[in-house]
Amino acid sequence: MTDTNHPEGEPWTWAEPVWRRITGRARAGRSLRPTHWPDGARCAVALSFDADHDTIPLRDGDESPMRISQGQYGNRQGTPRIRRLLEREGIKASFFYPAVSALLYPDEARAVAQDGHEIGIHSWIHERNTVLPYEVERDLAFRARDTLEKVTGQLPVGMRTASWDFSPRTLDIIREMGLLYDSSLMADDDPYELLADGVPTGIVELPPEWIRDDAVYWNMNRFSALRPYTPPSGVLEVFLAELDGAWEEGGMFLLTMHPHYIGHRSRLPVLERVIAHAKARGGCWFATHAEIAAWCRDHAAA
């Protein structure tokens, strides 16, 4: 069924029940920040990689070999460098795959899973959920989950919507799929429970944020205003400040990266230094999103 509840008129004319309904569809509920982290850790560190690869130009109907090659870099150089770094550091991370990326590069997706990393849902072809009819969004989400399981042998338990584009019906789909967590919404620094129209769902939200995403600093599009103005040193400064804040508060530090951005020679050292800083501070629990979501679900303060 297509959503027919879009309000009529300009927003300043809406009656109070209208804007309350809109803001209540997928809202932050109780904090799931746990009473303690495993083994006395001070904070949780969640490293994640959105393996978009070729899917963004494909999503846009852009057949330019140049734009597609930028995504292919993620497979040829970015992901191998990331895997080697994580292996050296003994860290497990979460990789969110559009299904089309996994189909284009099945050997990569399988290898990532075999390394012990988590595989999460990240759309079919990096589609924008808010422009899709409900039936289409639902179909693509279920197809993406089933494809990732078939390719990698791992059944995903979490979702990150492409571009964090969360439609009014996305939470309904997550609940129907029986997922443990979502990582698309930004109402807190630490994990929280999602409410649907005021009702607790049991779904754990692991909130990302644009300032903890490499794409906003390093995206590049020749024919738009997108330019990578921020040097690696500037990105490192932001990431370390966020990590230190999470450590001081005893919370979660969640970092979102993309193999075709962070995987370049001048940029991967940013991640290396973040990891080194966390290890030097001590008390940092490096874990997958699924591990953190399960821990918070089971150890949240009453």
C-alpha atoms as a PDB file:
ATOM      1  CA  MET A   1       0.000   0.000   0.000  1.00  0.00           C
ATOM      2  CA  THR A   2       1.379   3.419  -0.945  1.00  0.00           C
ATOM      3  CA  ASP A   3       1.593   5.976   1.867  1.00  0.00           C
ATOM      4  CA  THR A   4      -1.355   8.369   1.452  1.00  0.00           C
ATOM      5  CA  ASN A   5      -0.877  10.307   4.683  1.00  0.00           C
ATOM      6  CA  HIS A   6       1.082  13.212   3.231  1.00  0.00           C
ATOM      7  CA  PRO A   7      -0.424  16.360   4.761  1.00  0.00           C
ATOM      8  CA  GLU A   8      -2.186  18.927   2.649  1.00  0.00           C
ATOM      9  CA  GLY A   9      -1.289  22.600   2.649  1.00  0.00           C
ATOM     10  CA  GLU A  10       1.841  24.478   3.667  1.00  0.00           C
ATOM     11  CA  PRO A  11       3.614  23.374   6.863  1.00  0.00           C
ATOM     12  CA  TRP A  12       2.703  26.563   8.732  1.00  0.00           C
ATOM     13  CA  THR A  13      -0.971  25.729   8.207  1.00  0.00           C
ATOM     14  CA  TRP A  14      -0.765  22.220   9.670  1.00  0.00           C
ATOM     15  CA  ALA A  15      -2.768  21.447  12.769  1.00  0.00           C
ATOM     16  CA  GLU A  16      -0.834  20.179  15.789  1.00  0.00           C
ATOM     17  CA  PRO A  17      -1.800  16.487  15.263  1.00  0.00           C
ATOM     18  CA  VAL A  18      -0.202  16.621  11.800  1.00  0.00           C
ATOM     19  CA  TRP A  19       3.274  17.680  12.871  1.00  0.00           C
ATOM     20  CA  ARG A  20       3.097  15.464  15.940  1.00  0.00           C
ATOM     21  CA  ARG A  21       2.315  12.486  13.681  1.00  0.00           C
ATOM     22  CA  ILE A  22       5.213  13.317  11.368  1.00  0.00           C
ATOM     23  CA  THR A  23       7.768  13.711  14.169  1.00  0.00           C
ATOM     24  CA  GLY A  24       6.544  10.589  15.934  1.00  0.00           C
ATOM     25  CA  ARG A  25       6.931   8.060  13.118  1.00  0.00           C
ATOM     26  CA  ALA A  26      10.446   6.955  14.054  1.00  0.00           C
ATOM     27  CA  ARG A  27      11.487   8.760  17.211  1.00  0.00           C
ATOM     28  CA  ALA A  28      14.177   8.241  19.824  1.00  0.00           C
ATOM     29  CA  GLY A  29      12.885   6.391  22.847  1.00  0.00           C
ATOM     30  CA  ARG A  30      14.745   5.302  25.952  1.00  0.00           C
ATOM     31  CA  SER A  31      18.501   5.447  25.944  1.00  0.00           C
ATOM     32  CA  LEU A  32      20.157   2.071  25.514  1.00  0.00           C
ATOM     33  CA  ARG A  33      23.519   3.275  26.730  1.00  0.00           C
ATOM     34  CA  PRO A  34      24.557   0.301  28.826  1.00  0.00           C
ATOM     35  CA  THR A  35      25.360   0.252  32.513  1.00  0.00           C
ATOM     36  CA  HIS A  36      28.839  -1.003  31.543  1.00  0.00           C
ATOM     37  CA  TRP A  37      30.811  -2.110  28.505  1.00  0.00           C
ATOM     38  CA  PRO A  38      32.417  -5.585  28.217  1.00  0.00           C
ATOM     39  CA  ASP A  39      35.488  -6.331  30.327  1.00  0.00           C
ATOM     40  CA  GLY A  40      35.397  -2.945  32.012  1.00  0.00           C
ATOM     41  CA  ALA A  41      35.911  -0.987  28.781  1.00  0.00           C
ATOM     42  CA  ARG A  42      35.392   2.765  28.932  1.00  0.00           C
ATOM     43  CA  CYS A  43      33.746   3.185  25.517  1.00  0.00           C
ATOM     44  CA  ALA A  44      32.683   1.259  22.427  1.00  0.00           C
ATOM     45  CA  VAL A  45      34.349   1.872  19.061  1.00  0.00           C
ATOM     46  CA  ALA A  46      32.265   0.889  16.019  1.00  0.00           C
ATOM     47  CA  LEU A  47      34.126   1.096  12.703  1.00  0.00           C
ATOM     48  CA  SER A  48      31.939   0.735   9.624  1.00  0.00           C
ATOM     49  CA  PHE A  49      32.444   0.803   5.872  1.00  0.00           C
ATOM     50  CA  ASP A  50      29.716   1.451   3.309  1.00  0.00           C
ATOM     51  CA  ALA A  51      30.906  -0.504   0.266  1.00  0.00           C
ATOM     52  CA  ASP A  52      28.999   1.580  -2.265  1.00  0.00           C
ATOM     53  CA  HIS A  53      31.522   1.081  -5.068  1.00  0.00           C
ATOM     54  CA  ASP A  54      29.809   1.582  -8.460  1.00  0.00           C
ATOM     55  CA  THR A  55      26.258   1.937  -7.142  1.00  0.00           C
ATOM     56  CA  ILE A  56      25.965   5.705  -6.743  1.00  0.00           C
ATOM     57  CA  PRO A  57      26.429   6.522 -10.450  1.00  0.00           C
ATOM     58  CA  LEU A  58      24.288   3.492 -11.296  1.00  0.00           C
ATOM     59  CA  ARG A  59      21.550   4.774  -8.967  1.00  0.00           C
ATOM     60  CA  ASP A  60      21.673   8.111 -10.760  1.00  0.00           C
ATOM     61  CA  GLY A  61      21.515   6.518 -14.217  1.00  0.00           C
ATOM     62  CA  ASP A  62      25.035   7.813 -14.847  1.00  0.00           C
ATOM     63  CA  GLU A  63      26.740   5.531 -17.380  1.00  0.00           C
ATOM     64  CA  SER A  64      30.012   7.477 -17.400  1.00  0.00           C
ATOM     65  CA  PRO A  65      32.954   5.055 -17.225  1.00  0.00           C
ATOM     66  CA  MET A  66      34.867   7.742 -15.323  1.00  0.00           C
ATOM     67  CA  ARG A  67      32.284   7.966 -12.522  1.00  0.00           C
ATOM     68  CA  ILE A  68      31.953   4.200 -12.369  1.00  0.00           C
ATOM     69  CA  SER A  69      35.736   3.822 -12.184  1.00  0.00           C
ATOM     70  CA  GLN A  70      35.785   5.987  -9.047  1.00  0.00           C
ATOM     71  CA  GLY A  71      33.591   3.381  -7.389  1.00  0.00           C
ATOM     72  CA  GLN A  72      35.605   0.476  -8.747  1.00  0.00           C
ATOM     73  CA  TYR A  73      38.615   1.901  -6.934  1.00  0.00           C
ATOM     74  CA  GLY A  74      36.907   0.858  -3.715  1.00  0.00           C
ATOM     75  CA  ASN A  75      37.063  -2.769  -4.794  1.00  0.00           C
ATOM     76  CA  ARG A  76      40.514  -2.755  -6.387  1.00  0.00           C
ATOM     77  CA  GLN A  77      42.410  -0.735  -3.784  1.00  0.00           C
ATOM     78  CA  GLY A  78      40.233   0.567  -0.962  1.00  0.00           C
ATOM     79  CA  THR A  79      38.770  -2.618   0.481  1.00  0.00           C
ATOM     80  CA  PRO A  80      42.022  -4.644   0.249  1.00  0.00           C
ATOM     81  CA  ARG A  81      43.889  -1.906   2.134  1.00  0.00           C
ATOM     82  CA  ILE A  82      41.159  -1.716   4.769  1.00  0.00           C
ATOM     83  CA  ARG A  83      41.108  -5.492   5.230  1.00  0.00           C
ATOM     84  CA  ARG A  84      44.876  -5.587   5.686  1.00  0.00           C
ATOM     85  CA  LEU A  85      44.745  -2.789   8.255  1.00  0.00           C
ATOM     86  CA  LEU A  86      41.955  -4.427  10.246  1.00  0.00           C
ATOM     87  CA  GLU A  87      43.787  -7.754  10.197  1.00  0.00           C
ATOM     88  CA  ARG A  88      47.007  -6.146  11.457  1.00  0.00           C
ATOM     89  CA  GLU A  89      45.113  -4.398  14.243  1.00  0.00           C
ATOM     90  CA  GLY A  90      42.995  -7.415  15.173  1.00  0.00           C
ATOM     91  CA  ILE A  91      39.739  -5.480  14.753  1.00  0.00           C
ATOM     92  CA  LYS A  92      36.356  -6.664  13.501  1.00  0.00           C
ATOM     93  CA  ALA A  93      34.217  -4.090  11.712  1.00  0.00           C
ATOM     94  CA  SER A  94      30.854  -3.793   9.961  1.00  0.00           C
ATOM     95  CA  PHE A  95      30.581  -3.598   6.162  1.00  0.00           C
ATOM     96  CA  PHE A  96      27.297  -2.369   4.701  1.00  0.00           C
ATOM     97  CA  TYR A  97      26.776  -3.506   1.119  1.00  0.00           C
ATOM     98  CA  PRO A  98      24.281  -2.397  -1.483  1.00  0.00           C
ATOM     99  CA  ALA A  99      23.221  -5.718  -2.997  1.00  0.00           C
ATOM    100  CA  VAL A 100      24.431  -4.634  -6.431  1.00  0.00           C
ATOM    101  CA  SER A 101      27.927  -4.066  -5.005  1.00  0.00           C
ATOM    102  CA  ALA A 102      27.920  -7.600  -3.610  1.00  0.00           C
ATOM    103  CA  LEU A 103      26.779  -8.963  -6.971  1.00  0.00           C
ATOM    104  CA  LEU A 104      29.434  -6.991  -8.858  1.00  0.00           C
ATOM    105  CA  TYR A 105      32.164  -8.075  -6.432  1.00  0.00           C
ATOM    106  CA  PRO A 106      31.058 -11.342  -4.818  1.00  0.00           C
ATOM    107  CA  ASP A 107      34.623 -12.471  -4.070  1.00  0.00           C
ATOM    108  CA  GLU A 108      35.191  -9.293  -2.060  1.00  0.00           C
ATOM    109  CA  ALA A 109      31.947  -9.590  -0.096  1.00  0.00           C
ATOM    110  CA  ARG A 110      32.625 -13.241   0.695  1.00  0.00           C
ATOM    111  CA  ALA A 111      36.200 -12.492   1.759  1.00  0.00           C
ATOM    112  CA  VAL A 112      35.036  -9.707   4.071  1.00  0.00           C
ATOM    113  CA  ALA A 113      32.569 -12.089   5.715  1.00  0.00           C
ATOM    114  CA  GLN A 114      35.203 -14.817   5.962  1.00  0.00           C
ATOM    115  CA  ASP A 115      37.497 -12.364   7.729  1.00  0.00           C
ATOM    116  CA  GLY A 116      34.898 -12.320  10.503  1.00  0.00           C
ATOM    117  CA  HIS A 117      33.445  -8.898   9.742  1.00  0.00           C
ATOM    118  CA  GLU A 118      29.739  -8.154   9.869  1.00  0.00           C
ATOM    119  CA  ILE A 119      27.709  -7.787   6.657  1.00  0.00           C
ATOM    120  CA  GLY A 120      24.851  -5.277   6.870  1.00  0.00           C
ATOM    121  CA  ILE A 121      22.061  -4.177   4.518  1.00  0.00           C
ATOM    122  CA  HIS A 122      22.689  -0.956   2.600  1.00  0.00           C
ATOM    123  CA  SER A 123      19.948  -0.879  -0.059  1.00  0.00           C
ATOM    124  CA  TRP A 124      19.669  -2.586  -3.437  1.00  0.00           C
ATOM    125  CA  ILE A 125      21.419  -0.040  -5.701  1.00  0.00           C
ATOM    126  CA  HIS A 126      21.861   2.889  -3.282  1.00  0.00           C
ATOM    127  CA  GLU A 127      18.307   4.023  -4.023  1.00  0.00           C
ATOM    128  CA  ARG A 128      16.681   6.964  -2.266  1.00  0.00           C
ATOM    129  CA  ASN A 129      13.914   5.525  -0.111  1.00  0.00           C
ATOM    130  CA  THR A 130      11.994   8.775   0.280  1.00  0.00           C
ATOM    131  CA  VAL A 131      11.163   8.927  -3.438  1.00  0.00           C
ATOM    132  CA  LEU A 132      10.000   5.296  -3.670  1.00  0.00           C
ATOM    133  CA  PRO A 133       6.506   3.867  -3.228  1.00  0.00           C
ATOM    134  CA  TYR A 134       6.287   1.726  -0.120  1.00  0.00           C
ATOM    135  CA  GLU A 135       5.868  -1.485  -2.107  1.00  0.00           C
ATOM    136  CA  VAL A 136       9.061  -0.811  -4.084  1.00  0.00           C
ATOM    137  CA  GLU A 137      11.101   0.135  -1.006  1.00  0.00           C
ATOM    138  CA  ARG A 138       9.960  -3.023   0.789  1.00  0.00           C
ATOM    139  CA  ASP A 139      10.704  -5.274  -2.168  1.00  0.00           C
ATOM    140  CA  LEU A 140      14.200  -3.849  -2.621  1.00  0.00           C
ATOM    141  CA  ALA A 141      15.010  -4.177   1.085  1.00  0.00           C
ATOM    142  CA  PHE A 142      13.976  -7.832   1.232  1.00  0.00           C
ATOM    143  CA  ARG A 143      15.781  -8.607  -2.039  1.00  0.00           C
ATOM    144  CA  ALA A 144      18.910  -6.913  -0.732  1.00  0.00           C
ATOM    145  CA  ARG A 145      18.863  -8.935   2.496  1.00  0.00           C
ATOM    146  CA  ASP A 146      18.336 -12.217   0.659  1.00  0.00           C
ATOM    147  CA  THR A 147      21.051 -11.413  -1.886  1.00  0.00           C
ATOM    148  CA  LEU A 148      23.609 -10.592   0.789  1.00  0.00           C
ATOM    149  CA  GLU A 149      22.867 -13.833   2.605  1.00  0.00           C
ATOM    150  CA  LYS A 150      23.190 -15.805  -0.633  1.00  0.00           C
ATOM    151  CA  VAL A 151      26.470 -14.132  -1.652  1.00  0.00           C
ATOM    152  CA  THR A 152      28.210 -14.055   1.743  1.00  0.00           C
ATOM    153  CA  GLY A 153      26.579 -16.858   3.697  1.00  0.00           C
ATOM    154  CA  GLN A 154      25.791 -14.378   6.483  1.00  0.00           C
ATOM    155  CA  LEU A 155      22.243 -13.306   7.300  1.00  0.00           C
ATOM    156  CA  PRO A 156      22.275  -9.548   8.012  1.00  0.00           C
ATOM    157  CA  VAL A 157      20.774  -8.404  11.308  1.00  0.00           C
ATOM    158  CA  GLY A 158      21.157  -4.665  10.751  1.00  0.00           C
ATOM    159  CA  MET A 159      20.404  -2.000   8.178  1.00  0.00           C
ATOM    160  CA  ARG A 160      21.894   1.326   7.173  1.00  0.00           C
ATOM    161  CA  THR A 161      19.746   3.055   4.589  1.00  0.00           C
ATOM    162  CA  ALA A 162      21.589   4.473   1.579  1.00  0.00           C
ATOM    163  CA  SER A 163      22.551   8.099   2.259  1.00  0.00           C
ATOM    164  CA  TRP A 164      20.679   7.603   5.558  1.00  0.00           C
ATOM    165  CA  ASP A 165      17.519   8.293   3.555  1.00  0.00           C
ATOM    166  CA  PHE A 166      14.790   6.996   5.881  1.00  0.00           C
ATOM    167  CA  SER A 167      11.243   7.113   4.516  1.00  0.00           C
ATOM    168  CA  PRO A 168       8.043   7.300   6.604  1.00  0.00           C
ATOM    169  CA  ARG A 169       7.673   3.518   6.075  1.00  0.00           C
ATOM    170  CA  THR A 170      11.286   2.363   6.529  1.00  0.00           C
ATOM    171  CA  LEU A 171      10.784   1.495  10.182  1.00  0.00           C
ATOM    172  CA  ASP A 172       7.785  -0.658   9.267  1.00  0.00           C
ATOM    173  CA  ILE A 173      10.023  -2.627   6.902  1.00  0.00           C
ATOM    174  CA  ILE A 174      12.799  -3.001   9.497  1.00  0.00           C
ATOM    175  CA  ARG A 175      10.286  -4.360  11.989  1.00  0.00           C
ATOM    176  CA  GLU A 176       8.819  -6.767   9.462  1.00  0.00           C
ATOM    177  CA  MET A 177      12.302  -8.056   8.660  1.00  0.00           C
ATOM    178  CA  GLY A 178      12.932  -8.694  12.349  1.00  0.00           C
ATOM    179  CA  LEU A 179      16.238  -6.824  12.375  1.00  0.00           C
ATOM    180  CA  LEU A 180      18.201  -6.241  15.572  1.00  0.00           C
ATOM    181  CA  TYR A 181      19.233  -2.705  14.753  1.00  0.00           C
ATOM    182  CA  ASP A 182      19.255   0.239  12.398  1.00  0.00           C
ATOM    183  CA  SER A 183      22.082   2.740  11.849  1.00  0.00           C
ATOM    184  CA  SER A 184      20.513   5.602   9.891  1.00  0.00           C
ATOM    185  CA  LEU A 185      19.036   8.100  12.381  1.00  0.00           C
ATOM    186  CA  MET A 186      20.808  10.769  14.384  1.00  0.00           C
ATOM    187  CA  ALA A 187      18.908  11.686  17.551  1.00  0.00           C
ATOM    188  CA  ASP A 188      21.703  10.893  20.011  1.00  0.00           C
ATOM    189  CA  ASP A 189      25.387  10.114  20.387  1.00  0.00           C
ATOM    190  CA  ASP A 190      24.719   6.730  21.981  1.00  0.00           C
ATOM    191  CA  PRO A 191      22.376   3.822  21.182  1.00  0.00           C
ATOM    192  CA  TYR A 192      18.675   4.213  21.816  1.00  0.00           C
ATOM    193  CA  GLU A 193      15.436   2.328  21.233  1.00  0.00           C
ATOM    194  CA  LEU A 194      13.289   3.368  18.302  1.00  0.00           C
ATOM    195  CA  LEU A 195       9.678   4.318  18.886  1.00  0.00           C
ATOM    196  CA  ALA A 196       7.042   3.934  16.178  1.00  0.00           C
ATOM    197  CA  ASP A 197       4.182   6.362  16.777  1.00  0.00           C
ATOM    198  CA  GLY A 198       5.115   6.428  20.452  1.00  0.00           C
ATOM    199  CA  VAL A 199       5.291   2.635  20.829  1.00  0.00           C
ATOM    200  CA  PRO A 200       8.625   0.948  21.736  1.00  0.00           C
ATOM    201  CA  THR A 201       9.787  -1.321  18.916  1.00  0.00           C
ATOM    202  CA  GLY A 202      12.696  -3.191  20.477  1.00  0.00           C
ATOM    203  CA  ILE A 203      14.836  -2.009  17.543  1.00  0.00           C
ATOM    204  CA  VAL A 204      18.231  -0.641  18.589  1.00  0.00           C
ATOM    205  CA  GLU A 205      19.333   2.541  16.841  1.00  0.00           C
ATOM    206  CA  LEU A 206      23.105   2.986  16.504  1.00  0.00           C
ATOM    207  CA  PRO A 207      23.212   6.656  15.509  1.00  0.00           C
ATOM    208  CA  PRO A 208      25.693   7.824  12.884  1.00  0.00           C
ATOM    209  CA  GLU A 209      26.400  11.479  12.116  1.00  0.00           C
ATOM    210  CA  TRP A 210      27.631  13.360   9.055  1.00  0.00           C
ATOM    211  CA  ILE A 211      30.608  14.768  10.968  1.00  0.00           C
ATOM    212  CA  ARG A 212      31.766  11.185  11.580  1.00  0.00           C
ATOM    213  CA  ASP A 213      31.468  10.269   7.891  1.00  0.00           C
ATOM    214  CA  ASP A 214      34.416  10.530   5.496  1.00  0.00           C
ATOM    215  CA  ALA A 215      32.200  11.320   2.473  1.00  0.00           C
ATOM    216  CA  VAL A 216      31.311  14.842   3.579  1.00  0.00           C
ATOM    217  CA  TYR A 217      34.991  15.784   3.601  1.00  0.00           C
ATOM    218  CA  TRP A 218      36.231  13.910   0.533  1.00  0.00           C
ATOM    219  CA  ASN A 219      33.383  13.618  -1.947  1.00  0.00           C
ATOM    220  CA  MET A 220      34.113  14.928  -5.432  1.00  0.00           C
ATOM    221  CA  ASN A 221      31.898  15.602  -8.432  1.00  0.00           C
ATOM    222  CA  ARG A 222      33.441  17.404 -11.383  1.00  0.00           C
ATOM    223  CA  PHE A 223      30.130  18.954 -12.466  1.00  0.00           C
ATOM    224  CA  SER A 224      28.839  20.133  -9.096  1.00  0.00           C
ATOM    225  CA  ALA A 225      30.130  22.118  -6.144  1.00  0.00           C
ATOM    226  CA  LEU A 226      31.307  18.969  -4.368  1.00  0.00           C
ATOM    227  CA  ARG A 227      35.044  19.282  -3.749  1.00  0.00           C
ATOM    228  CA  PRO A 228      37.341  17.584  -1.205  1.00  0.00           C
ATOM    229  CA  TYR A 229      38.451  20.791   0.494  1.00  0.00           C
ATOM    230  CA  THR A 230      39.339  19.188   3.855  1.00  0.00           C
ATOM    231  CA  PRO A 231      42.844  17.721   4.135  1.00  0.00           C
ATOM    232  CA  PRO A 232      43.404  14.408   5.907  1.00  0.00           C
ATOM    233  CA  SER A 233      44.827  16.261   8.915  1.00  0.00           C
ATOM    234  CA  GLY A 234      41.572  18.205   9.301  1.00  0.00           C
ATOM    235  CA  VAL A 235      39.457  15.062   9.120  1.00  0.00           C
ATOM    236  CA  LEU A 236      41.710  13.385  11.679  1.00  0.00           C
ATOM    237  CA  GLU A 237      41.227  16.328  14.040  1.00  0.00           C
ATOM    238  CA  VAL A 238      37.437  15.983  13.890  1.00  0.00           C
ATOM    239  CA  PHE A 239      37.450  12.203  14.282  1.00  0.00           C
ATOM    240  CA  LEU A 240      39.837  12.300  17.250  1.00  0.00           C
ATOM    241  CA  ALA A 241      37.761  14.981  18.978  1.00  0.00           C
ATOM    242  CA  GLU A 242      34.654  12.808  18.592  1.00  0.00           C
ATOM    243  CA  LEU A 243      36.522   9.754  19.878  1.00  0.00           C
ATOM    244  CA  ASP A 244      37.855  11.653  22.892  1.00  0.00           C
ATOM    245  CA  GLY A 245      34.359  12.914  23.661  1.00  0.00           C
ATOM    246  CA  ALA A 246      32.943   9.398  23.584  1.00  0.00           C
ATOM    247  CA  TRP A 247      35.763   8.164  25.815  1.00  0.00           C
ATOM    248  CA  GLU A 248      35.264  10.942  28.359  1.00  0.00           C
ATOM    249  CA  GLU A 249      31.518  10.291  28.534  1.00  0.00           C
ATOM    250  CA  GLY A 250      31.802   6.497  28.500  1.00  0.00           C
ATOM    251  CA  GLY A 251      29.706   6.249  25.356  1.00  0.00           C
ATOM    252  CA  MET A 252      29.979   5.034  21.764  1.00  0.00           C
ATOM    253  CA  PHE A 253      32.167   6.266  18.916  1.00  0.00           C
ATOM    254  CA  LEU A 254      30.707   5.217  15.555  1.00  0.00           C
ATOM    255  CA  LEU A 255      32.661   6.030  12.399  1.00  0.00           C
ATOM    256  CA  THR A 256      31.249   5.670   8.866  1.00  0.00           C
ATOM    257  CA  MET A 257      33.725   5.284   6.000  1.00  0.00           C
ATOM    258  CA  HIS A 258      33.714   4.322   2.331  1.00  0.00           C
ATOM    259  CA  PRO A 259      36.417   2.222   0.662  1.00  0.00           C
ATOM    260  CA  HIS A 260      36.560   4.535  -2.366  1.00  0.00           C
ATOM    261  CA  TYR A 261      37.231   7.538  -0.073  1.00  0.00           C
ATOM    262  CA  ILE A 262      39.161   6.372   3.003  1.00  0.00           C
ATOM    263  CA  GLY A 263      41.034   3.745   0.963  1.00  0.00           C
ATOM    264  CA  HIS A 264      43.343   6.208  -0.781  1.00  0.00           C
ATOM    265  CA  ARG A 265      47.021   6.330   0.160  1.00  0.00           C
ATOM    266  CA  SER A 266      46.835   9.758   1.764  1.00  0.00           C
ATOM    267  CA  ARG A 267      43.660   8.991   3.703  1.00  0.00           C
ATOM    268  CA  LEU A 268      43.948   5.510   5.197  1.00  0.00           C
ATOM    269  CA  PRO A 269      46.553   6.823   7.685  1.00  0.00           C
ATOM    270  CA  VAL A 270      43.693   8.827   9.226  1.00  0.00           C
ATOM    271  CA  LEU A 271      42.024   5.565  10.226  1.00  0.00           C
ATOM    272  CA  GLU A 272      45.332   4.101  11.373  1.00  0.00           C
ATOM    273  CA  ARG A 273      45.846   7.069  13.692  1.00  0.00           C
ATOM    274  CA  VAL A 274      42.306   6.884  15.027  1.00  0.00           C
ATOM    275  CA  ILE A 275      42.873   3.236  15.924  1.00  0.00           C
ATOM    276  CA  ALA A 276      46.267   3.976  17.461  1.00  0.00           C
ATOM    277  CA  HIS A 277      44.783   6.815  19.518  1.00  0.00           C
ATOM    278  CA  ALA A 278      41.973   4.601  20.812  1.00  0.00           C
ATOM    279  CA  LYS A 279      44.409   1.864  21.779  1.00  0.00           C
ATOM    280  CA  ALA A 280      46.735   4.344  23.451  1.00  0.00           C
ATOM    281  CA  ARG A 281      43.891   5.774  25.563  1.00  0.00           C
ATOM    282  CA  GLY A 282      42.936   2.276  26.630  1.00  0.00           C
ATOM    283  CA  GLY A 283      39.551   0.941  27.606  1.00  0.00           C
ATOM    284  CA  CYS A 284      38.158   0.972  24.055  1.00  0.00           C
ATOM    285  CA  TRP A 285      36.047  -1.991  23.010  1.00  0.00           C
ATOM    286  CA  PHE A 286      36.317  -2.431  19.233  1.00  0.00           C
ATOM    287  CA  ALA A 287      33.197  -4.280  18.106  1.00  0.00           C
ATOM    288  CA  THR A 288      30.832  -4.757  15.202  1.00  0.00           C
ATOM    289  CA  HIS A 289      27.547  -2.908  15.088  1.00  0.00           C
ATOM    290  CA  ALA A 290      25.696  -6.156  15.750  1.00  0.00           C
ATOM    291  CA  GLU A 291      27.802  -6.869  18.851  1.00  0.00           C
ATOM    292  CA  ILE A 292      27.237  -3.378  20.232  1.00  0.00           C
ATOM    293  CA  ALA A 293      23.499  -3.474  19.508  1.00  0.00           C
ATOM    294  CA  ALA A 294      23.091  -6.816  21.252  1.00  0.00           C
ATOM    295  CA  TRP A 295      25.127  -5.669  24.244  1.00  0.00           C
ATOM    296  CA  CYS A 296      23.102  -2.470  24.621  1.00  0.00           C
ATOM    297  CA  ARG A 297      19.823  -4.328  24.278  1.00  0.00           C
ATOM    298  CA  ASP A 298      20.834  -6.709  27.052  1.00  0.00           C
ATOM    299  CA  HIS A 299      22.633  -4.285  29.391  1.00  0.00           C
ATOM    300  CA  ALA A 300      20.760  -1.002  29.128  1.00  0.00           C
ATOM    301  CA  ALA A 301      20.020   0.848  32.328  1.00  0.00           C
ATOM    302  CA  ALA A 302      16.465   0.238  33.522  1.00  0.00           C
END
